[in-house]
Protein backbone atom coordinates (compact mmCIF):
# COMPACT_ATOMS: atom_id res chain seq x y z
CA MET A 1 103.59 -158.90 -59.85
CA THR A 2 106.42 -160.19 -57.92
CA SER A 3 109.29 -157.92 -56.57
CA ASN A 4 111.80 -159.51 -58.80
CA THR A 5 109.78 -158.97 -61.85
CA ALA A 6 109.02 -155.27 -60.87
CA GLN A 7 112.59 -154.69 -60.65
CA LYS A 8 113.46 -156.28 -63.83
CA ASN A 9 110.70 -153.95 -65.77
CA GLN A 10 112.18 -151.04 -63.65
CA ASN A 11 115.65 -151.74 -64.78
CA GLU A 12 114.40 -152.31 -68.57
CA SER A 13 112.87 -149.05 -68.36
CA VAL A 14 116.45 -147.17 -67.63
CA GLU A 15 118.18 -146.15 -71.06
CA ARG A 16 121.36 -147.89 -71.39
CA ALA A 17 123.94 -145.85 -72.85
CA PHE A 18 127.24 -146.71 -75.16
CA LEU A 19 129.77 -143.75 -74.57
CA VAL A 20 132.38 -142.94 -77.47
CA GLY A 21 135.17 -140.53 -76.55
CA MET A 22 137.48 -139.07 -78.97
CA ALA A 23 140.93 -138.31 -78.98
CA THR A 24 141.98 -135.66 -82.05
CA ASP A 25 144.91 -133.40 -83.24
CA LYS A 26 143.97 -130.93 -80.30
CA ILE A 27 142.61 -133.53 -77.83
CA ARG A 28 145.37 -135.71 -76.55
CA LYS A 29 144.45 -139.21 -75.40
CA ALA A 30 144.73 -138.23 -71.66
CA GLU A 31 142.57 -135.32 -72.08
CA ALA A 32 140.31 -137.39 -74.16
CA ARG A 33 139.99 -140.06 -71.47
CA GLU A 34 139.27 -137.41 -68.61
CA LEU A 35 136.44 -136.04 -70.94
CA LEU A 36 134.81 -139.12 -71.41
CA ASP A 37 135.07 -139.96 -67.62
CA GLU A 38 133.08 -136.61 -67.47
CA LEU A 39 130.54 -137.78 -69.70
CA HIS A 40 130.19 -140.96 -67.74
CA GLY A 41 129.14 -138.36 -64.81
CA LEU A 42 126.66 -136.47 -67.23
CA ALA A 43 125.02 -139.65 -68.42
CA ARG A 44 124.73 -140.69 -64.65
CA THR A 45 123.00 -137.48 -63.74
CA LEU A 46 120.67 -137.87 -66.29
CA GLY A 47 119.86 -141.29 -64.73
CA LEU A 48 121.25 -143.36 -67.68
CA ASP A 49 122.92 -146.57 -67.25
CA ILE A 50 126.12 -147.03 -68.93
CA ALA A 51 126.23 -150.33 -71.19
CA GLY A 52 129.81 -149.52 -72.44
CA GLU A 53 132.28 -147.24 -73.67
CA MET A 54 134.99 -147.02 -76.24
CA LEU A 55 137.85 -144.33 -77.04
CA ILE A 56 139.19 -143.75 -80.39
CA GLN A 57 141.55 -141.71 -82.06
CA LEU A 58 139.94 -139.32 -84.56
CA ARG A 59 142.05 -138.36 -87.55
CA ASP A 60 140.26 -137.85 -90.42
CA PRO A 61 136.94 -136.60 -89.63
CA THR A 62 134.30 -137.54 -92.29
CA PRO A 63 130.93 -135.55 -93.29
CA SER A 64 128.60 -138.48 -93.15
CA LEU A 65 129.56 -140.07 -89.84
CA LEU A 66 132.41 -138.39 -88.51
CA VAL A 67 134.59 -141.54 -88.22
CA GLY A 68 135.19 -144.00 -91.11
CA SER A 69 132.84 -146.40 -92.19
CA GLY A 70 134.93 -149.75 -90.61
CA LYS A 71 135.06 -148.02 -87.29
CA ALA A 72 131.71 -146.64 -87.62
CA ASP A 73 130.60 -150.45 -88.01
CA GLU A 74 132.69 -151.28 -85.08
CA ILE A 75 131.07 -148.73 -82.70
CA ALA A 76 127.59 -149.90 -83.81
CA ALA A 77 128.56 -153.58 -83.30
CA ALA A 78 129.94 -152.87 -79.85
CA ALA A 79 127.04 -150.72 -78.66
CA GLU A 80 124.72 -153.89 -80.03
CA GLU A 81 126.52 -156.43 -78.07
CA ALA A 82 126.47 -154.18 -75.24
CA HIS A 83 122.67 -154.41 -75.43
CA ALA A 84 122.57 -150.36 -75.43
CA ASP A 85 119.50 -148.02 -76.46
CA SER A 86 121.55 -145.28 -77.44
CA ILE A 87 124.93 -144.01 -78.42
CA ILE A 88 126.49 -140.88 -77.12
CA PHE A 89 129.46 -139.11 -78.71
CA ASP A 90 131.87 -136.93 -76.79
CA HIS A 91 132.23 -134.62 -79.90
CA ILE A 92 129.57 -132.72 -81.73
CA LEU A 93 127.58 -134.28 -84.30
CA SER A 94 126.20 -132.59 -87.45
CA PRO A 95 122.57 -132.92 -88.13
CA VAL A 96 123.29 -135.32 -91.13
CA GLN A 97 125.85 -137.27 -88.85
CA GLN A 98 123.33 -137.64 -86.35
CA ARG A 99 120.70 -138.83 -88.98
CA ASN A 100 123.43 -141.25 -90.69
CA TRP A 101 124.26 -142.94 -87.13
CA GLU A 102 120.50 -143.69 -85.92
CA ARG A 103 120.04 -145.53 -89.67
CA LEU A 104 123.28 -147.34 -89.22
CA SER A 105 122.93 -148.24 -85.35
CA SER A 106 119.19 -148.41 -85.36
CA LYS A 107 119.52 -146.72 -82.02
CA LYS A 108 119.02 -143.32 -80.39
CA VAL A 109 122.02 -141.03 -80.89
CA TYR A 110 123.11 -137.56 -79.65
CA ASP A 111 126.36 -135.75 -78.54
CA ARG A 112 127.70 -134.08 -75.20
CA ALA A 113 125.47 -130.88 -76.33
CA GLU A 114 122.39 -132.58 -76.39
CA LEU A 115 123.21 -134.63 -73.36
CA ILE A 116 123.75 -131.75 -71.08
CA ILE A 117 120.63 -129.83 -72.59
CA LYS A 118 118.42 -132.63 -71.40
CA ILE A 119 120.20 -132.45 -67.96
CA PHE A 120 119.49 -128.91 -67.62
CA ALA A 121 115.65 -129.63 -68.93
CA SER A 122 115.14 -132.29 -66.09
CA ARG A 123 116.72 -129.69 -63.46
CA ALA A 124 115.05 -126.47 -64.54
CA LEU A 125 112.67 -125.69 -61.62
CA THR A 126 111.81 -121.80 -62.18
CA LYS A 127 109.66 -120.37 -64.93
CA GLU A 128 112.91 -118.62 -66.06
CA ALA A 129 115.20 -121.70 -66.08
CA SER A 130 112.45 -123.60 -67.91
CA LEU A 131 112.19 -120.76 -70.50
CA GLN A 132 115.99 -121.11 -71.02
CA VAL A 133 116.20 -124.48 -71.41
CA GLU A 134 113.46 -124.30 -73.90
CA LEU A 135 115.22 -121.81 -75.65
CA ALA A 136 118.50 -123.85 -75.86
CA GLN A 137 116.53 -127.07 -76.74
CA LEU A 138 114.78 -125.43 -79.86
CA GLN A 139 117.76 -123.88 -81.21
CA TYR A 140 119.66 -126.71 -81.00
CA ALA A 141 116.74 -128.92 -82.40
CA LEU A 142 116.16 -126.42 -85.46
CA PRO A 143 118.61 -127.88 -87.85
CA ARG A 144 117.94 -131.05 -86.72
CA LEU A 145 114.56 -131.21 -87.57
CA ALA A 146 114.86 -133.82 -90.56
CA HIS A 147 116.22 -136.51 -88.28
CA SER A 148 112.90 -136.62 -86.56
CA TYR A 149 111.14 -137.63 -89.55
CA ASP A 150 111.30 -140.99 -91.48
CA ASP A 151 109.65 -139.40 -94.67
CA LEU A 152 110.60 -135.83 -95.40
CA MET A 153 108.07 -135.51 -98.07
CA ARG A 154 105.04 -136.05 -96.05
CA GLN A 155 102.57 -133.16 -96.78
CA ARG A 156 100.07 -131.38 -94.91
CA GLY A 157 97.43 -129.39 -96.69
CA GLY A 158 95.05 -129.89 -99.40
CA ARG A 159 95.02 -130.18 -103.13
CA TYR A 160 96.88 -128.18 -105.70
CA GLY A 161 94.83 -124.82 -106.13
CA THR A 162 93.20 -124.97 -102.96
CA LYS A 163 96.06 -124.51 -100.65
CA GLY A 164 98.91 -124.43 -102.77
CA SER A 165 100.90 -127.67 -103.32
CA GLY A 166 100.94 -128.50 -99.76
CA GLU A 167 103.79 -128.00 -97.42
CA GLN A 168 106.42 -130.01 -96.10
CA LYS A 169 105.44 -130.96 -92.30
CA ILE A 170 109.03 -130.21 -91.68
CA GLU A 171 108.61 -126.59 -93.00
CA LEU A 172 105.23 -126.09 -90.62
CA ASP A 173 107.16 -127.44 -87.73
CA ARG A 174 110.56 -125.14 -88.56
CA ARG A 175 108.14 -122.00 -88.70
CA GLU A 176 106.20 -122.98 -85.36
CA ILE A 177 109.70 -123.66 -83.85
CA GLU A 178 110.79 -120.35 -84.99
CA ARG A 179 107.72 -118.74 -83.64
CA ARG A 180 107.95 -120.18 -80.44
CA ILE A 181 111.68 -119.14 -80.22
CA HIS A 182 110.68 -115.50 -80.82
CA GLU A 183 108.20 -115.65 -78.17
CA ILE A 184 110.50 -117.35 -75.64
CA GLN A 185 113.01 -114.53 -76.20
CA SER A 186 110.31 -111.93 -75.64
CA GLU A 187 109.57 -113.41 -72.08
CA LEU A 188 113.05 -113.73 -71.44
CA GLU A 189 113.71 -110.24 -72.45
CA ALA A 190 110.74 -109.23 -69.95
CA VAL A 191 112.60 -111.00 -67.14
CA ARG A 192 115.79 -109.62 -67.83
CA LYS A 193 114.17 -106.12 -67.36
CA GLU A 194 112.73 -107.15 -63.89
CA ARG A 195 115.82 -108.30 -62.95
CA ALA A 196 117.67 -105.11 -64.13
CA VAL A 197 115.23 -103.22 -62.04
CA GLN A 198 116.11 -105.46 -59.00
CA ARG A 199 119.77 -105.14 -59.84
CA ARG A 200 119.49 -101.19 -59.64
CA ARG A 201 117.65 -101.28 -56.76
CA ARG A 202 120.34 -102.99 -54.87
CA GLU A 203 122.68 -100.75 -56.29
CA ARG A 204 120.93 -97.84 -54.83
CA ALA A 205 121.34 -99.26 -51.67
CA SER A 206 124.93 -99.61 -52.09
CA VAL A 207 124.87 -103.21 -50.87
CA PRO A 208 128.21 -105.05 -52.31
CA ARG A 209 127.55 -108.24 -54.20
CA ALA A 210 129.55 -111.42 -54.59
CA ALA A 211 128.66 -114.14 -56.96
CA ILE A 212 130.00 -117.80 -56.15
CA VAL A 213 131.44 -119.28 -59.53
CA GLY A 214 133.02 -122.73 -60.53
CA TYR A 215 133.15 -125.69 -62.29
CA THR A 216 129.77 -128.00 -61.69
CA ASN A 217 129.83 -129.88 -58.77
CA ALA A 218 132.72 -128.14 -56.84
CA GLY A 219 130.58 -127.46 -53.78
CA LYS A 220 129.42 -124.07 -54.77
CA SER A 221 125.72 -124.43 -53.31
CA SER A 222 127.24 -126.05 -50.16
CA LEU A 223 129.59 -123.34 -49.53
CA LEU A 224 126.68 -120.71 -50.06
CA ASN A 225 124.61 -122.89 -47.37
CA ALA A 226 127.54 -122.81 -45.11
CA LEU A 227 128.13 -119.26 -45.28
CA THR A 228 124.57 -117.93 -45.03
CA ALA A 229 122.72 -120.75 -43.34
CA ALA A 230 120.41 -121.04 -46.52
CA SER A 231 118.90 -124.37 -47.71
CA VAL A 232 119.97 -124.36 -51.27
CA ARG A 233 119.75 -127.77 -53.08
CA ALA A 234 123.18 -129.39 -52.70
CA GLU A 235 123.82 -132.67 -54.46
CA ASP A 236 126.83 -134.79 -55.42
CA LYS A 237 125.78 -134.38 -59.06
CA LEU A 238 126.67 -132.14 -62.13
CA PHE A 239 124.32 -129.14 -62.47
CA ALA A 240 122.39 -129.67 -59.04
CA THR A 241 121.74 -125.87 -59.20
CA LEU A 242 120.31 -123.92 -62.34
CA ASP A 243 118.69 -121.00 -60.92
CA PRO A 244 120.78 -118.48 -59.27
CA THR A 245 120.08 -118.11 -55.61
CA THR A 246 120.49 -115.02 -53.59
CA ARG A 247 121.26 -114.85 -49.33
CA ARG A 248 122.43 -112.06 -47.37
CA LEU A 249 125.68 -112.60 -45.41
CA MET A 250 126.71 -110.28 -42.35
CA LEU A 251 130.52 -109.72 -42.25
CA THR A 252 132.49 -109.80 -39.19
CA ARG A 253 132.84 -105.62 -39.35
CA GLY A 254 128.75 -105.20 -39.36
CA GLN A 255 128.87 -104.73 -43.71
CA THR A 256 126.16 -106.88 -45.29
CA LEU A 257 127.17 -108.64 -48.52
CA LEU A 258 124.64 -110.20 -51.22
CA LEU A 259 126.13 -113.65 -52.00
CA THR A 260 124.58 -115.42 -55.01
CA ASP A 261 125.17 -118.86 -56.12
CA THR A 262 125.29 -119.25 -60.29
CA VAL A 263 124.99 -122.10 -62.40
CA GLY A 264 128.20 -124.62 -62.68
CA PHE A 265 130.57 -124.11 -65.55
CA ILE A 266 131.71 -127.41 -67.69
CA ARG A 267 134.22 -128.03 -70.63
CA ASN A 268 132.67 -127.74 -73.99
CA LEU A 269 129.24 -125.96 -72.90
CA PRO A 270 127.11 -125.57 -75.68
CA HIS A 271 127.24 -122.24 -76.73
CA GLY A 272 123.37 -121.92 -76.86
CA LEU A 273 123.39 -122.63 -73.36
CA VAL A 274 125.75 -120.00 -72.89
CA GLU A 275 123.37 -117.72 -74.47
CA ALA A 276 120.19 -119.05 -72.96
CA PHE A 277 121.73 -118.58 -69.47
CA HIS A 278 123.13 -115.14 -70.10
CA SER A 279 120.60 -113.51 -67.62
CA THR A 280 121.72 -116.09 -64.94
CA LEU A 281 125.43 -115.76 -65.93
CA GLU A 282 125.11 -112.09 -65.58
CA GLU A 283 125.26 -112.20 -62.03
CA ALA A 284 128.49 -113.00 -62.05
CA SER A 285 129.58 -110.38 -64.41
CA GLN A 286 127.70 -107.56 -62.39
CA ALA A 287 129.17 -108.74 -58.82
CA ASP A 288 131.61 -106.61 -56.83
CA ILE A 289 133.88 -109.89 -56.00
CA LEU A 290 133.81 -113.40 -57.57
CA ILE A 291 134.35 -116.43 -55.45
CA HIS A 292 136.12 -119.22 -57.52
CA VAL A 293 135.25 -122.24 -55.96
CA ALA A 294 137.73 -125.63 -56.90
CA ASP A 295 137.34 -129.04 -56.00
CA ALA A 296 140.09 -130.15 -53.95
CA SER A 297 139.25 -133.91 -54.36
CA ASP A 298 139.04 -133.76 -58.33
CA SER A 299 142.58 -134.60 -59.82
CA ARG A 300 141.27 -132.52 -62.92
CA VAL A 301 141.16 -129.22 -60.85
CA ASP A 302 143.46 -127.24 -62.64
CA ALA A 303 141.68 -128.13 -66.04
CA HIS A 304 138.43 -127.22 -64.41
CA ILE A 305 139.96 -123.71 -63.06
CA ALA A 306 141.06 -122.94 -66.71
CA THR A 307 137.68 -123.82 -68.02
CA THR A 308 135.94 -121.58 -65.34
CA ILE A 309 138.27 -118.69 -66.08
CA GLN A 310 137.37 -119.13 -70.05
CA VAL A 311 133.45 -119.00 -69.34
CA LEU A 312 134.18 -115.60 -67.10
CA SER A 313 136.02 -114.05 -70.09
CA GLU A 314 133.11 -115.38 -72.65
CA ILE A 315 130.38 -113.45 -70.16
CA GLY A 316 132.48 -110.37 -69.50
CA ALA A 317 133.45 -111.16 -66.02
CA GLN A 318 137.27 -111.54 -66.30
CA ASP A 319 138.19 -108.28 -64.76
CA VAL A 320 136.10 -108.90 -61.89
CA PRO A 321 138.20 -109.15 -58.60
CA ARG A 322 138.36 -112.96 -57.63
CA ILE A 323 139.38 -114.98 -54.54
CA LEU A 324 140.13 -118.84 -55.44
CA VAL A 325 139.01 -121.11 -52.78
CA LEU A 326 139.98 -124.77 -52.67
CA ASN A 327 136.83 -126.57 -51.43
CA LYS A 328 136.40 -130.02 -49.85
CA ILE A 329 139.57 -130.10 -48.29
CA ASP A 330 138.39 -132.73 -46.01
CA LEU A 331 138.03 -135.36 -48.82
CA ALA A 332 141.90 -134.37 -50.18
CA GLU A 333 145.22 -135.38 -48.58
CA PRO A 334 147.12 -132.34 -46.91
CA ASP A 335 149.92 -132.68 -49.79
CA VAL A 336 147.39 -131.97 -52.33
CA VAL A 337 146.25 -129.05 -50.48
CA GLN A 338 149.40 -127.58 -49.88
CA SER A 339 150.53 -128.32 -53.80
CA PHE A 340 147.17 -126.39 -54.85
CA LEU A 341 148.05 -123.35 -52.48
CA ALA A 342 151.63 -123.16 -53.87
CA ARG A 343 150.27 -123.27 -57.39
CA TYR A 344 147.69 -120.77 -56.85
CA PRO A 345 149.16 -118.16 -54.26
CA GLY A 346 146.59 -116.06 -52.62
CA SER A 347 144.04 -119.10 -52.85
CA LEU A 348 142.40 -120.17 -49.59
CA ALA A 349 141.55 -123.92 -48.69
CA VAL A 350 138.24 -124.25 -46.78
CA SER A 351 135.55 -127.23 -46.38
CA ALA A 352 132.07 -126.24 -46.61
CA LYS A 353 131.10 -129.61 -44.89
CA THR A 354 133.10 -129.37 -41.73
CA GLY A 355 133.53 -125.22 -41.88
CA GLU A 356 137.02 -124.87 -41.75
CA GLY A 357 138.31 -122.20 -43.50
CA LEU A 358 135.09 -120.44 -43.52
CA ASP A 359 136.26 -117.70 -41.02
CA ALA A 360 139.29 -116.95 -43.32
CA LEU A 361 137.45 -116.68 -46.27
CA ILE A 362 134.75 -114.46 -44.89
CA GLU A 363 137.83 -112.32 -43.65
CA ALA A 364 139.24 -112.29 -47.07
CA ILE A 365 136.02 -111.07 -48.75
CA GLN A 366 135.97 -108.26 -46.58
CA GLU A 367 139.34 -107.31 -46.99
CA SER A 368 138.60 -107.34 -50.75
CA LEU A 369 135.72 -105.05 -50.51
CA THR A 370 137.45 -102.74 -48.65
CA LYS A 371 140.95 -102.43 -49.95
CA ASP A 372 139.99 -99.42 -52.37
CA MET A 373 138.45 -97.47 -49.61
CA LYS A 374 138.76 -93.54 -49.21
CA THR A 375 138.96 -91.86 -45.87
CA CYS A 376 136.93 -88.62 -45.31
CA THR A 377 134.64 -86.78 -42.97
CA LEU A 378 131.32 -86.19 -43.85
CA ARG A 379 128.50 -83.66 -42.42
CA ILE A 380 125.39 -85.00 -42.67
CA PRO A 381 121.88 -83.16 -41.71
CA HIS A 382 119.66 -84.97 -39.20
CA ALA A 383 117.20 -85.22 -41.88
CA ASP A 384 119.42 -87.32 -43.88
CA TYR A 385 120.24 -89.84 -41.16
CA TRP A 386 119.97 -92.60 -43.39
CA ILE A 387 123.36 -91.58 -44.71
CA VAL A 388 124.76 -92.22 -41.47
CA SER A 389 122.95 -95.86 -41.52
CA LEU A 390 124.46 -96.51 -45.22
CA VAL A 391 127.93 -95.50 -44.14
CA MET A 392 127.67 -97.93 -40.85
CA ARG A 393 126.22 -100.84 -43.19
CA GLU A 394 128.79 -100.38 -45.89
CA GLY A 395 131.64 -98.63 -44.80
CA THR A 396 133.93 -98.34 -41.31
CA VAL A 397 133.00 -95.35 -38.87
CA LEU A 398 136.23 -93.89 -37.40
CA GLU A 399 134.54 -91.34 -35.29
CA GLU A 400 131.38 -89.65 -34.49
CA ARG A 401 130.09 -86.70 -33.24
CA SER A 402 127.00 -84.72 -33.26
CA ASP A 403 125.73 -80.97 -32.79
CA ASP A 404 122.22 -79.23 -33.19
CA ALA A 405 122.37 -79.36 -37.29
CA TYR A 406 124.62 -82.56 -38.38
CA THR A 407 126.15 -85.68 -37.54
CA TRP A 408 129.84 -85.66 -38.49
CA LEU A 409 131.57 -88.98 -39.43
CA ARG A 410 135.14 -89.60 -39.85
CA CYS A 411 134.93 -92.51 -41.86
CA ARG A 412 136.29 -95.10 -44.64
CA VAL A 413 134.17 -96.02 -47.45
CA PRO A 414 134.28 -98.00 -50.70
CA GLN A 415 134.68 -95.99 -54.11
CA ARG A 416 131.36 -97.12 -55.08
CA MET A 417 129.53 -94.98 -52.49
CA GLU A 418 131.39 -91.82 -53.85
CA SER A 419 128.84 -90.49 -55.79
CA LYS A 420 126.37 -90.65 -52.64
CA ILE A 421 128.20 -89.18 -50.07
CA LEU A 422 130.05 -86.35 -52.25
CA GLN A 423 127.55 -83.70 -51.21
CA TYR A 424 128.28 -84.40 -47.50
CA ILE A 425 131.63 -84.30 -47.59
CA ALA A 426 133.00 -81.54 -45.06
CA ALA A 427 134.96 -78.60 -46.24
CA GLU A 428 138.02 -78.81 -43.89
CA ASP A 429 138.25 -82.59 -45.27
CA PRO A 430 141.71 -82.61 -47.22
CA GLU A 431 140.14 -84.84 -49.93
CA VAL A 432 137.06 -82.97 -50.92
CA GLY A 433 139.07 -80.81 -53.30
CA LYS A 434 140.15 -83.85 -55.38
CA ALA A 435 136.74 -85.73 -55.00
CA ARG A 436 134.73 -82.55 -56.18
CA GLU A 437 137.17 -81.91 -59.09
CA SER A 438 136.97 -85.14 -60.42
CA GLU A 439 132.95 -84.44 -60.67
CA GLY A 440 133.32 -81.32 -62.27
CA GLU A 441 132.39 -78.91 -59.47
């Protein structure tokens, strides 16, 4: 086989997709254009070729095809002329609409939600991520079973009077999917319990935790790698990382921080994926601080920030302290960076690639962790010297002295440690009365 023939066969094996964006009463044409551009990125992430696109105005949705019959014929004809293998809508399709479109166009048809699920399925590496993706796939597919069959009346079973009148294959498949969903949910519950055990161990150690959150492809994994010398997969693609990765970061004052990279957010994220990835996303809701990363090189950065804040609210992390970080400043013009910093007071500008601004970010993380610290004097028996090590690791020691029975520390410690050190607070400390009264002593 010649190289030209091999290249031709390879190109022919790549799915060619025709993309359809929609402006509505709620989505203006400019935003619809941005979403369609984002759909391009999603399709390319899955390895699809873009055969063509069309941006339409959706005024009166129809139950059968979403759009009117004339516009539907126009879309189908354009996809056929572009030699597309599939049509992808940047709008939710009902099961009926999906079936009708496939009959009309004789092509594979799916929407943004299914495209994102396909990407997640191609990127899942660990058992937990694979289970979460499979759960999302099955929950999405269950009401759409019918479009997988040309004849819904196909029967599986015997004659009447032996195995009943027979069951439709779709009914058997539906029960099998429901059984598998229940099985996966049980497996994920076991994983979540193990994660909860690990989290409690970290909490007992009083090691503060930070989660890196942000829009997909904002450079979260690159930032984790730059801060901790980790080797997390980082690509210029949407959803390059699905599994949370935690690394230890040593702060400038000797404190230790557990830093977790989380899955990226995106507009119109399928609700099933939010549910399926709850155990992954909950790393953000359980963190002491969030590092919200935004992409300086993306003109849609404000919309991406709003989307991230919305998803954080959906997972119960809206009240966790946040540091907003503008990443990739090496790819942005200085006036763009300055405009961003003016719009978001207190934000920081960094480059995970060049290292610019990382020292300031580490200092900001440390300041955020220590701003609620209290000053106290501890009297620690030598047998409990682990408390001294804990304070040195998670607080700031102002003065240390020892006698035959005790180690005395004048220190500043975060509020989360209060329950661990309360019994060691020295009687002469002026804050001991308030602390013990709050504990009911």
